[in-house]
């Protein structure tokens, strides 16, 4: 689902819709999707980054809950988001997620399987210049405070298979699972 027109051909076993995810998701049956990709998108949800007529500071949380609903048991969510030491809502453009907000806003009741941090643009980390595309440690990511955000977290979440997972994983557990081999 994309707000903007998409002119490239869609791969043979994929469906594509144009529109606002939070308005179209109700048309997607529960437990009907194997994989949801959100690449550099969810951080814009609800902030009017694409001149939507509505604003909702929690549209990313609502969307992740919808991802979980439409996933088959064992299905996964792969997403990338800007990352830094503190959660920021940069109106009307994007959010920067922190360890805390990744756990509370994005993970919800999904199992964190893997993740890694990489530079999405040139930046300074701990006083050292880092070029685009460099994989960095979780410790360096937890301390990054750049503006604009040139650090991205890739996170792979999986829907629990056959049981309901409630509650939150402590931030320390999130840190331990980062940089797991993909």
N, C-alpha and C. Protein backbone atom coordinates (compact mmCIF):
# COMPACT_ATOMS: atom_id res chain seq x y z
N UNK A 1 0.87 -1.17 0.00
CA UNK A 1 0.00 0.00 0.00
C UNK A 1 0.91 1.22 0.00
N UNK A 2 0.67 2.12 -0.92
CA UNK A 2 1.48 3.35 -0.99
C UNK A 2 0.55 4.52 -1.27
N UNK A 3 0.86 5.66 -0.67
CA UNK A 3 0.06 6.87 -0.91
C UNK A 3 0.23 7.40 -2.32
N UNK A 4 1.38 7.11 -2.91
CA UNK A 4 1.71 7.69 -4.21
C UNK A 4 1.58 6.67 -5.33
N UNK A 5 1.37 7.15 -6.57
CA UNK A 5 1.32 6.23 -7.70
C UNK A 5 2.64 5.46 -7.83
N UNK A 6 2.54 4.22 -8.28
CA UNK A 6 3.70 3.33 -8.41
C UNK A 6 3.72 2.85 -9.85
N UNK A 7 4.74 3.21 -10.60
CA UNK A 7 4.74 2.92 -12.04
C UNK A 7 5.53 1.67 -12.41
N UNK A 8 6.29 1.12 -11.46
CA UNK A 8 7.07 -0.08 -11.75
C UNK A 8 6.16 -1.31 -11.73
N UNK A 9 6.52 -2.36 -12.48
CA UNK A 9 5.70 -3.58 -12.43
C UNK A 9 5.78 -4.23 -11.05
N UNK A 10 4.68 -4.84 -10.64
CA UNK A 10 4.61 -5.51 -9.35
C UNK A 10 5.01 -6.97 -9.55
N UNK A 11 5.89 -7.52 -8.69
CA UNK A 11 6.28 -8.93 -8.83
C UNK A 11 5.05 -9.84 -8.85
N UNK A 12 5.19 -10.99 -9.47
CA UNK A 12 4.06 -11.87 -9.78
C UNK A 12 3.22 -12.30 -8.58
N UNK A 13 3.79 -12.50 -7.43
CA UNK A 13 2.98 -12.97 -6.30
C UNK A 13 2.77 -11.90 -5.23
N UNK A 14 2.79 -10.64 -5.64
CA UNK A 14 2.57 -9.53 -4.73
C UNK A 14 1.33 -8.76 -5.16
N UNK A 15 0.65 -8.19 -4.19
CA UNK A 15 -0.45 -7.28 -4.49
C UNK A 15 -0.03 -5.89 -4.07
N UNK A 16 -0.54 -4.90 -4.78
CA UNK A 16 -0.21 -3.51 -4.50
C UNK A 16 -1.48 -2.68 -4.53
N UNK A 17 -1.64 -1.82 -3.52
CA UNK A 17 -2.77 -0.91 -3.47
C UNK A 17 -2.25 0.50 -3.29
N UNK A 18 -2.98 1.45 -3.84
CA UNK A 18 -2.63 2.85 -3.67
C UNK A 18 -3.62 3.48 -2.72
N UNK A 19 -3.11 4.17 -1.70
CA UNK A 19 -3.97 4.84 -0.74
C UNK A 19 -3.32 4.90 0.63
N UNK A 20 -4.11 5.28 1.62
CA UNK A 20 -3.65 5.41 3.00
C UNK A 20 -3.78 4.06 3.69
N UNK A 21 -2.67 3.52 4.19
CA UNK A 21 -2.69 2.20 4.82
C UNK A 21 -3.74 2.10 5.90
N UNK A 22 -3.81 3.08 6.79
CA UNK A 22 -4.73 2.99 7.91
C UNK A 22 -6.20 3.05 7.48
N UNK A 23 -6.47 3.46 6.25
CA UNK A 23 -7.84 3.44 5.73
C UNK A 23 -8.11 2.15 4.95
N UNK A 24 -7.09 1.59 4.29
CA UNK A 24 -7.28 0.41 3.45
C UNK A 24 -7.10 -0.92 4.19
N UNK A 25 -6.43 -0.90 5.33
CA UNK A 25 -6.09 -2.15 6.01
C UNK A 25 -7.32 -2.94 6.44
N UNK A 26 -8.44 -2.28 6.69
CA UNK A 26 -9.64 -3.00 7.09
C UNK A 26 -10.15 -3.91 5.98
N UNK A 27 -9.74 -3.64 4.73
CA UNK A 27 -10.14 -4.49 3.61
C UNK A 27 -9.28 -5.75 3.49
N UNK A 28 -8.22 -5.85 4.27
CA UNK A 28 -7.33 -7.02 4.23
C UNK A 28 -7.77 -7.98 5.32
N UNK A 29 -8.13 -9.22 4.95
CA UNK A 29 -8.60 -10.18 5.96
C UNK A 29 -7.52 -10.51 6.99
N UNK A 30 -7.95 -10.80 8.21
CA UNK A 30 -7.04 -11.24 9.26
C UNK A 30 -6.36 -12.54 8.84
N UNK A 31 -5.11 -12.70 9.26
CA UNK A 31 -4.34 -13.92 9.00
C UNK A 31 -4.32 -14.28 7.51
N UNK A 32 -4.02 -13.29 6.67
CA UNK A 32 -4.03 -13.54 5.23
C UNK A 32 -2.71 -13.18 4.54
N UNK A 33 -1.71 -12.70 5.29
CA UNK A 33 -0.48 -12.20 4.69
C UNK A 33 0.70 -12.91 5.34
N UNK A 34 1.69 -13.31 4.53
CA UNK A 34 2.88 -13.97 5.05
C UNK A 34 3.96 -12.99 5.48
N UNK A 35 4.14 -11.90 4.71
CA UNK A 35 5.21 -10.94 4.99
C UNK A 35 4.69 -9.53 4.74
N UNK A 36 5.03 -8.62 5.64
CA UNK A 36 4.77 -7.20 5.46
C UNK A 36 6.12 -6.50 5.44
N UNK A 37 6.36 -5.71 4.40
CA UNK A 37 7.57 -4.88 4.31
C UNK A 37 7.18 -3.44 4.51
N UNK A 38 7.90 -2.74 5.35
CA UNK A 38 7.72 -1.31 5.54
C UNK A 38 9.11 -0.69 5.54
N UNK A 39 9.54 -0.27 4.38
CA UNK A 39 10.90 0.24 4.21
C UNK A 39 10.87 1.76 4.12
N UNK A 40 11.39 2.39 5.16
CA UNK A 40 11.44 3.86 5.23
C UNK A 40 10.06 4.47 5.04
N UNK A 41 9.06 3.88 5.69
CA UNK A 41 7.69 4.37 5.53
C UNK A 41 6.99 4.63 6.86
N UNK A 42 7.01 3.67 7.77
CA UNK A 42 6.19 3.76 8.97
C UNK A 42 6.50 5.01 9.80
N UNK A 43 7.73 5.51 9.71
CA UNK A 43 8.10 6.70 10.48
C UNK A 43 7.37 7.95 10.00
N UNK A 44 6.73 7.89 8.84
CA UNK A 44 5.97 9.03 8.30
C UNK A 44 4.48 8.94 8.60
N UNK A 45 4.00 7.76 9.00
CA UNK A 45 2.56 7.55 9.18
C UNK A 45 1.98 8.54 10.19
N UNK A 46 0.92 9.22 9.78
CA UNK A 46 0.17 10.10 10.67
C UNK A 46 0.75 11.47 10.89
N UNK A 47 1.89 11.79 10.27
CA UNK A 47 2.52 13.09 10.50
C UNK A 47 2.27 14.08 9.37
N UNK A 48 1.45 13.70 8.40
CA UNK A 48 1.13 14.54 7.25
C UNK A 48 2.36 14.81 6.37
N UNK A 49 3.30 13.87 6.36
CA UNK A 49 4.51 14.03 5.56
C UNK A 49 4.21 14.07 4.06
N UNK A 50 3.12 13.43 3.66
CA UNK A 50 2.74 13.41 2.25
C UNK A 50 1.47 14.22 2.01
N UNK A 51 1.28 15.22 2.88
CA UNK A 51 0.15 16.14 2.79
C UNK A 51 -1.21 15.45 2.95
N UNK A 52 -1.23 14.40 3.78
CA UNK A 52 -2.51 13.79 4.10
C UNK A 52 -3.35 14.83 4.85
N UNK A 53 -4.63 14.67 4.81
CA UNK A 53 -5.52 15.63 5.44
C UNK A 53 -5.75 15.35 6.92
N UNK A 54 -5.17 14.27 7.43
CA UNK A 54 -5.35 13.92 8.83
C UNK A 54 -3.97 13.78 9.50
N UNK A 55 -3.96 13.96 10.80
CA UNK A 55 -2.74 13.80 11.58
C UNK A 55 -3.08 12.91 12.77
N UNK A 56 -2.20 11.95 13.07
CA UNK A 56 -2.38 11.06 14.21
C UNK A 56 -0.99 10.67 14.71
N UNK A 57 -0.62 11.16 15.87
CA UNK A 57 0.72 10.91 16.42
C UNK A 57 0.98 9.44 16.68
N UNK A 58 -0.06 8.60 16.70
CA UNK A 58 0.09 7.18 16.98
C UNK A 58 -0.26 6.31 15.78
N UNK A 59 -0.24 6.87 14.59
CA UNK A 59 -0.58 6.09 13.39
C UNK A 59 0.41 4.95 13.16
N UNK A 60 1.66 5.11 13.57
CA UNK A 60 2.63 4.01 13.44
C UNK A 60 2.25 2.84 14.35
N UNK A 61 1.80 3.15 15.57
CA UNK A 61 1.38 2.11 16.50
C UNK A 61 0.15 1.38 15.96
N UNK A 62 -0.81 2.14 15.44
CA UNK A 62 -2.02 1.56 14.85
C UNK A 62 -1.65 0.65 13.67
N UNK A 63 -0.73 1.11 12.84
CA UNK A 63 -0.32 0.32 11.68
C UNK A 63 0.35 -0.98 12.10
N UNK A 64 1.23 -0.95 13.11
CA UNK A 64 1.88 -2.19 13.55
C UNK A 64 0.87 -3.16 14.12
N UNK A 65 -0.13 -2.66 14.82
CA UNK A 65 -1.19 -3.54 15.32
C UNK A 65 -1.94 -4.17 14.14
N UNK A 66 -2.16 -3.39 13.08
CA UNK A 66 -2.82 -3.94 11.89
C UNK A 66 -1.93 -4.96 11.19
N UNK A 67 -0.62 -4.70 11.13
CA UNK A 67 0.31 -5.68 10.55
C UNK A 67 0.15 -7.01 11.28
N UNK A 68 0.13 -6.95 12.60
CA UNK A 68 0.02 -8.17 13.41
C UNK A 68 -1.30 -8.89 13.12
N UNK A 69 -2.37 -8.13 12.97
CA UNK A 69 -3.68 -8.72 12.71
C UNK A 69 -3.72 -9.44 11.36
N UNK A 70 -3.15 -8.85 10.33
CA UNK A 70 -3.26 -9.44 8.99
C UNK A 70 -2.24 -10.55 8.74
N UNK A 71 -1.22 -10.66 9.61
CA UNK A 71 -0.21 -11.71 9.42
C UNK A 71 -0.75 -13.09 9.75
N UNK A 72 -0.35 -14.07 8.93
CA UNK A 72 -0.56 -15.47 9.27
C UNK A 72 0.29 -15.80 10.48
N UNK A 73 -0.09 -16.82 11.29
CA UNK A 73 0.81 -17.27 12.35
C UNK A 73 2.17 -17.63 11.74
N UNK A 74 3.23 -17.16 12.34
CA UNK A 74 4.56 -17.39 11.81
C UNK A 74 4.98 -16.37 10.76
N UNK A 75 4.07 -15.49 10.33
CA UNK A 75 4.39 -14.46 9.35
C UNK A 75 5.33 -13.42 9.94
N UNK A 76 5.95 -12.62 9.08
CA UNK A 76 6.92 -11.65 9.61
C UNK A 76 6.74 -10.26 9.03
N UNK A 77 7.23 -9.29 9.80
CA UNK A 77 7.29 -7.89 9.42
C UNK A 77 8.76 -7.52 9.31
N UNK A 78 9.14 -6.95 8.17
CA UNK A 78 10.50 -6.43 7.98
C UNK A 78 10.37 -4.93 7.79
N UNK A 79 11.03 -4.16 8.64
CA UNK A 79 10.90 -2.72 8.51
C UNK A 79 12.23 -2.03 8.77
N UNK A 80 12.35 -0.85 8.18
CA UNK A 80 13.48 0.03 8.47
C UNK A 80 12.92 1.35 8.98
N UNK A 81 13.60 1.91 9.97
CA UNK A 81 13.20 3.18 10.56
C UNK A 81 14.44 3.99 10.93
N UNK A 82 14.33 5.33 10.93
CA UNK A 82 15.42 6.15 11.46
C UNK A 82 15.61 5.83 12.94
N UNK A 83 16.85 5.86 13.41
CA UNK A 83 17.14 5.43 14.77
C UNK A 83 18.10 6.41 15.45
N UNK A 84 17.91 6.60 16.75
CA UNK A 84 18.79 7.46 17.52
C UNK A 84 18.67 7.19 19.00
N UNK A 85 19.38 7.96 19.81
CA UNK A 85 19.40 7.75 21.25
C UNK A 85 18.06 8.08 21.91
N UNK A 86 17.31 9.02 21.32
CA UNK A 86 16.02 9.43 21.90
C UNK A 86 14.95 9.41 20.82
N UNK A 87 13.72 9.08 21.23
CA UNK A 87 12.59 9.12 20.29
C UNK A 87 12.24 10.57 19.99
N UNK A 88 12.05 10.88 18.71
CA UNK A 88 11.67 12.23 18.29
C UNK A 88 10.55 12.15 17.27
N UNK A 89 9.59 13.04 17.37
CA UNK A 89 8.60 13.25 16.32
C UNK A 89 8.98 14.57 15.66
N UNK A 90 9.46 14.51 14.43
CA UNK A 90 9.90 15.69 13.70
C UNK A 90 8.77 16.08 12.74
N UNK A 91 7.82 16.87 13.24
CA UNK A 91 6.64 17.25 12.45
C UNK A 91 7.04 18.15 11.31
N UNK A 92 6.49 18.04 10.12
CA UNK A 92 5.59 16.99 9.66
C UNK A 92 6.31 15.91 8.87
N UNK A 93 7.53 15.62 9.18
CA UNK A 93 8.32 14.76 8.31
C UNK A 93 8.43 13.32 8.75
N UNK A 94 9.04 13.05 9.91
CA UNK A 94 9.34 11.67 10.29
C UNK A 94 9.48 11.54 11.79
N UNK A 95 9.55 10.30 12.22
CA UNK A 95 9.91 9.97 13.60
C UNK A 95 11.30 9.39 13.59
N UNK A 96 12.01 9.57 14.68
CA UNK A 96 13.26 8.87 14.93
C UNK A 96 12.97 7.97 16.12
N UNK A 97 13.20 6.68 15.94
CA UNK A 97 12.93 5.71 16.99
C UNK A 97 14.16 5.47 17.85
N UNK A 98 13.91 5.20 19.11
CA UNK A 98 14.97 4.86 20.06
C UNK A 98 14.78 3.40 20.47
N UNK A 99 15.63 2.92 21.33
CA UNK A 99 15.46 1.56 21.85
C UNK A 99 14.09 1.44 22.53
N UNK A 100 13.74 2.43 23.35
CA UNK A 100 12.46 2.42 24.05
C UNK A 100 11.29 2.43 23.06
N UNK A 101 11.29 3.34 22.09
CA UNK A 101 10.13 3.44 21.21
C UNK A 101 10.06 2.30 20.20
N UNK A 102 11.20 1.73 19.85
CA UNK A 102 11.16 0.55 18.99
C UNK A 102 10.45 -0.58 19.72
N UNK A 103 10.75 -0.72 21.00
CA UNK A 103 10.13 -1.79 21.78
C UNK A 103 8.66 -1.51 22.06
N UNK A 104 8.31 -0.29 22.46
CA UNK A 104 6.94 -0.01 22.87
C UNK A 104 6.01 0.33 21.71
N UNK A 105 6.51 0.97 20.65
CA UNK A 105 5.64 1.39 19.55
C UNK A 105 5.62 0.38 18.41
N UNK A 106 6.74 -0.26 18.15
CA UNK A 106 6.82 -1.12 16.97
C UNK A 106 6.68 -2.61 17.29
N UNK A 107 7.39 -3.09 18.29
CA UNK A 107 7.39 -4.53 18.52
C UNK A 107 6.03 -5.04 18.96
N UNK A 108 5.39 -4.33 19.86
CA UNK A 108 4.09 -4.71 20.39
C UNK A 108 4.08 -6.19 20.78
N UNK A 109 3.19 -7.00 20.20
CA UNK A 109 3.11 -8.42 20.58
C UNK A 109 3.74 -9.30 19.51
N UNK A 110 4.77 -8.82 18.86
CA UNK A 110 5.50 -9.60 17.88
C UNK A 110 6.84 -10.01 18.48
N UNK A 111 7.40 -11.10 18.00
CA UNK A 111 8.67 -11.61 18.51
C UNK A 111 9.80 -10.96 17.72
N UNK A 112 10.73 -10.30 18.42
CA UNK A 112 11.90 -9.73 17.76
C UNK A 112 12.83 -10.86 17.36
N UNK A 113 13.04 -11.04 16.07
CA UNK A 113 13.91 -12.11 15.57
C UNK A 113 15.31 -11.64 15.27
N UNK A 114 15.42 -10.50 14.64
CA UNK A 114 16.74 -10.05 14.21
C UNK A 114 16.70 -8.55 13.97
N UNK A 115 17.87 -7.96 13.94
CA UNK A 115 17.98 -6.55 13.63
C UNK A 115 19.42 -6.15 13.48
N UNK A 116 19.60 -5.04 12.82
CA UNK A 116 20.94 -4.46 12.72
C UNK A 116 20.80 -2.98 12.48
N UNK A 117 21.88 -2.26 12.77
CA UNK A 117 21.92 -0.82 12.57
C UNK A 117 22.91 -0.52 11.46
N UNK A 118 22.55 0.42 10.58
CA UNK A 118 23.48 0.83 9.53
C UNK A 118 23.32 2.31 9.25
N UNK A 119 24.38 2.92 8.73
CA UNK A 119 24.33 4.33 8.39
C UNK A 119 23.65 4.48 7.04
N UNK A 120 22.66 5.36 6.98
CA UNK A 120 21.94 5.60 5.74
C UNK A 120 22.41 6.88 5.05
N UNK A 121 23.39 7.51 5.63
CA UNK A 121 24.01 8.70 5.07
C UNK A 121 25.27 8.98 5.85
N UNK A 122 26.13 9.85 5.36
CA UNK A 122 27.35 10.17 6.11
C UNK A 122 27.00 10.82 7.44
N UNK A 123 27.72 10.42 8.49
CA UNK A 123 27.43 10.97 9.81
C UNK A 123 28.64 10.78 10.73
N UNK A 124 28.57 11.43 11.87
CA UNK A 124 29.59 11.30 12.91
C UNK A 124 29.02 10.42 14.01
N UNK A 125 29.77 9.38 14.39
CA UNK A 125 29.38 8.52 15.50
C UNK A 125 30.57 8.42 16.44
N UNK A 126 30.34 8.85 17.69
CA UNK A 126 31.41 8.86 18.70
C UNK A 126 32.66 9.57 18.20
N UNK A 127 32.47 10.70 17.51
CA UNK A 127 33.58 11.52 17.04
C UNK A 127 34.28 11.00 15.80
N UNK A 128 33.78 9.93 15.20
CA UNK A 128 34.39 9.37 14.00
C UNK A 128 33.43 9.52 12.82
N UNK A 129 33.97 9.92 11.65
CA UNK A 129 33.17 10.03 10.44
C UNK A 129 32.83 8.64 9.92
N UNK A 130 31.57 8.42 9.60
CA UNK A 130 31.12 7.15 9.04
C UNK A 130 30.41 7.42 7.72
N UNK A 131 30.76 6.69 6.71
CA UNK A 131 30.14 6.84 5.40
C UNK A 131 28.83 6.04 5.36
N UNK A 132 28.05 6.26 4.33
CA UNK A 132 26.79 5.56 4.12
C UNK A 132 27.04 4.06 3.97
N UNK A 133 26.13 3.25 4.55
CA UNK A 133 26.17 1.81 4.36
C UNK A 133 27.02 1.04 5.35
N UNK A 134 27.49 1.68 6.40
CA UNK A 134 28.33 1.02 7.39
C UNK A 134 27.45 0.40 8.48
N UNK A 135 27.64 -0.89 8.76
CA UNK A 135 26.92 -1.54 9.87
C UNK A 135 27.64 -1.17 11.15
N UNK A 136 26.86 -0.74 12.14
CA UNK A 136 27.47 -0.29 13.41
C UNK A 136 26.92 -1.11 14.57
N UNK A 137 27.59 -1.02 15.69
CA UNK A 137 27.22 -1.81 16.87
C UNK A 137 25.97 -1.23 17.54
N UNK A 138 25.26 -2.08 18.29
CA UNK A 138 24.11 -1.57 19.05
C UNK A 138 24.51 -0.48 20.04
N UNK A 139 25.69 -0.60 20.63
CA UNK A 139 26.13 0.41 21.60
C UNK A 139 26.29 1.78 20.93
N UNK A 140 26.91 1.80 19.73
CA UNK A 140 27.04 3.07 19.01
C UNK A 140 25.68 3.61 18.61
N UNK A 141 24.77 2.73 18.21
CA UNK A 141 23.43 3.16 17.80
C UNK A 141 22.67 3.78 18.96
N UNK A 142 22.81 3.20 20.15
CA UNK A 142 22.08 3.71 21.32
C UNK A 142 22.50 5.12 21.68
N UNK A 143 23.70 5.53 21.25
CA UNK A 143 24.23 6.85 21.61
C UNK A 143 24.17 7.85 20.47
N UNK A 144 23.63 7.47 19.31
CA UNK A 144 23.63 8.36 18.15
C UNK A 144 22.58 9.45 18.31
N UNK A 145 22.97 10.70 18.10
CA UNK A 145 22.06 11.85 18.24
C UNK A 145 22.14 12.77 17.03
N UNK A 146 22.27 12.25 15.84
CA UNK A 146 22.43 13.08 14.66
C UNK A 146 21.13 13.70 14.17
N UNK A 147 21.25 14.81 13.47
CA UNK A 147 20.12 15.46 12.83
C UNK A 147 20.63 16.05 11.52
N UNK A 148 20.13 15.64 10.37
CA UNK A 148 19.04 14.68 10.22
C UNK A 148 19.51 13.27 10.58
N UNK A 149 18.54 12.37 10.81
CA UNK A 149 18.92 11.02 11.21
C UNK A 149 19.53 10.25 10.05
N UNK A 150 20.78 9.89 10.18
CA UNK A 150 21.45 9.10 9.15
C UNK A 150 21.80 7.71 9.67
N UNK A 151 21.02 7.26 10.63
CA UNK A 151 21.20 5.93 11.17
C UNK A 151 19.87 5.20 11.02
N UNK A 152 19.91 3.98 10.50
CA UNK A 152 18.69 3.23 10.25
C UNK A 152 18.75 1.91 11.00
N UNK A 153 17.62 1.52 11.59
CA UNK A 153 17.50 0.21 12.21
C UNK A 153 16.69 -0.67 11.26
N UNK A 154 17.21 -1.85 10.95
CA UNK A 154 16.44 -2.87 10.25
C UNK A 154 15.97 -3.84 11.31
N UNK A 155 14.68 -4.11 11.36
CA UNK A 155 14.12 -4.98 12.38
C UNK A 155 13.25 -6.04 11.71
N UNK A 156 13.45 -7.29 12.12
CA UNK A 156 12.60 -8.37 11.62
C UNK A 156 11.82 -8.92 12.82
N UNK A 157 10.50 -8.85 12.71
CA UNK A 157 9.58 -9.30 13.76
C UNK A 157 8.77 -10.46 13.22
N UNK A 158 8.40 -11.40 14.07
CA UNK A 158 7.60 -12.54 13.65
C UNK A 158 6.38 -12.67 14.55
N UNK A 159 5.26 -13.03 13.92
CA UNK A 159 4.05 -13.29 14.68
C UNK A 159 4.19 -14.65 15.35
N UNK A 160 3.89 -14.70 16.63
CA UNK A 160 4.00 -15.95 17.36
C UNK A 160 3.13 -17.02 16.70
N UNK A 161 3.64 -18.22 16.67
CA UNK A 161 2.96 -19.34 16.00
C UNK A 161 2.13 -20.11 17.01
N UNK A 162 0.80 -20.00 16.94
CA UNK A 162 -0.07 -20.84 17.74
C UNK A 162 -0.30 -20.39 19.18
N UNK A 163 0.30 -19.29 19.63
CA UNK A 163 0.02 -18.79 20.96
C UNK A 163 0.07 -17.28 20.94
N UNK A 164 -0.52 -16.68 21.94
CA UNK A 164 -0.56 -15.22 22.03
C UNK A 164 0.57 -14.75 22.94
N UNK A 165 1.35 -13.84 22.45
CA UNK A 165 2.45 -13.29 23.23
C UNK A 165 2.04 -11.91 23.72
N UNK A 166 1.92 -11.74 25.00
CA UNK A 166 1.54 -10.45 25.57
C UNK A 166 2.70 -9.87 26.36
N UNK A 167 2.61 -8.60 26.65
CA UNK A 167 3.62 -7.95 27.47
C UNK A 167 4.79 -7.47 26.65
N UNK A 168 5.68 -6.76 27.30
CA UNK A 168 6.82 -6.18 26.60
C UNK A 168 8.12 -6.88 26.93
N UNK A 169 9.03 -6.82 26.02
CA UNK A 169 10.37 -7.33 26.24
C UNK A 169 11.19 -6.18 26.80
N UNK A 170 11.94 -6.39 27.87
CA UNK A 170 12.75 -5.30 28.41
C UNK A 170 13.73 -4.77 27.36
N UNK A 171 14.04 -3.48 27.46
CA UNK A 171 14.95 -2.86 26.50
C UNK A 171 16.26 -3.62 26.44
N UNK A 172 16.75 -4.13 27.57
CA UNK A 172 18.01 -4.87 27.57
C UNK A 172 17.90 -6.11 26.68
N UNK A 173 16.73 -6.74 26.66
CA UNK A 173 16.54 -7.91 25.80
C UNK A 173 16.56 -7.48 24.34
N UNK A 174 15.99 -6.31 24.04
CA UNK A 174 16.02 -5.80 22.67
C UNK A 174 17.46 -5.60 22.22
N UNK A 175 18.27 -5.01 23.09
CA UNK A 175 19.67 -4.78 22.75
C UNK A 175 20.40 -6.09 22.49
N UNK A 176 20.10 -7.10 23.29
CA UNK A 176 20.78 -8.39 23.11
C UNK A 176 20.43 -9.05 21.79
N UNK A 177 19.24 -8.78 21.26
CA UNK A 177 18.82 -9.40 20.01
C UNK A 177 19.21 -8.60 18.77
N UNK A 178 19.76 -7.42 18.94
CA UNK A 178 20.17 -6.63 17.78
C UNK A 178 21.44 -7.22 17.18
N UNK A 179 21.61 -7.02 15.90
CA UNK A 179 22.74 -7.52 15.14
C UNK A 179 22.79 -9.05 15.09
N UNK A 180 21.62 -9.69 15.19
CA UNK A 180 21.53 -11.13 15.00
C UNK A 180 21.73 -11.42 13.51
N UNK A 181 22.41 -12.49 13.18
CA UNK A 181 22.65 -12.84 11.78
C UNK A 181 21.33 -13.00 11.05
N UNK A 182 21.20 -12.35 9.89
CA UNK A 182 19.94 -12.38 9.15
C UNK A 182 19.86 -13.56 8.25
